[in-house]
Amino acid sequence: MSEEKNREAFLGRWSRLKQQKVQEEAKPVPAAESRAEPVPAAPLPEIEDLKPDSDFKPFMDPNVDAGTRRSALKMLFTDAHFNTVDPFEPYSIDLTGEDPIPEAMLKTLEHAKRMLSQEKPPQASAPAEAQPSPQPQAESTGPEDVAGKQDA
């Protein structure tokens, strides 16, 4: 029984506070408080006169035109301080003007390529009798051969 009284007391208090909140929100705001006069903005300095050590805070005001703000920021970032290359940035280095690979190194790379791919180097035309004839190999279909062919 006491639990029902507590619940009713809780719900009654909640309902009363909710109604008070709705009434406060519905009250009309006095006319003197409703219209706030905008504070006149200080005149902005000329963009051409800005230097990197100038004060850019007035241009960051939300009431300033976006184009004016952008022009001021462009003037700020024209300083050489902001145009330095970051040495730790992996793609900031221009590698297009590097020296080509020396001819001796290219020959070594070609030799390694042939060795790794197990290609036979091109031979000079030799008589046919000097080359041994290939021996025919009997193919077996045993499971060990099939597994070996799959791995190869």
Foldseek 3Di string as FASTA:
>chain_A
DVVVVVVVVVVVVVVVVVVVVVVVVPDDDDPVVPDDDDDDQDDDDDLVPDDLPDDLVSLPDPVHDPVVSVSNVVRNCVDVVNVDFDPPDPPRDDPPPDDDDDPVVVVVVVVVVCVVVVPDPDDDDDDPVVDDDDDDDDDDPDPVVVVVVVVD
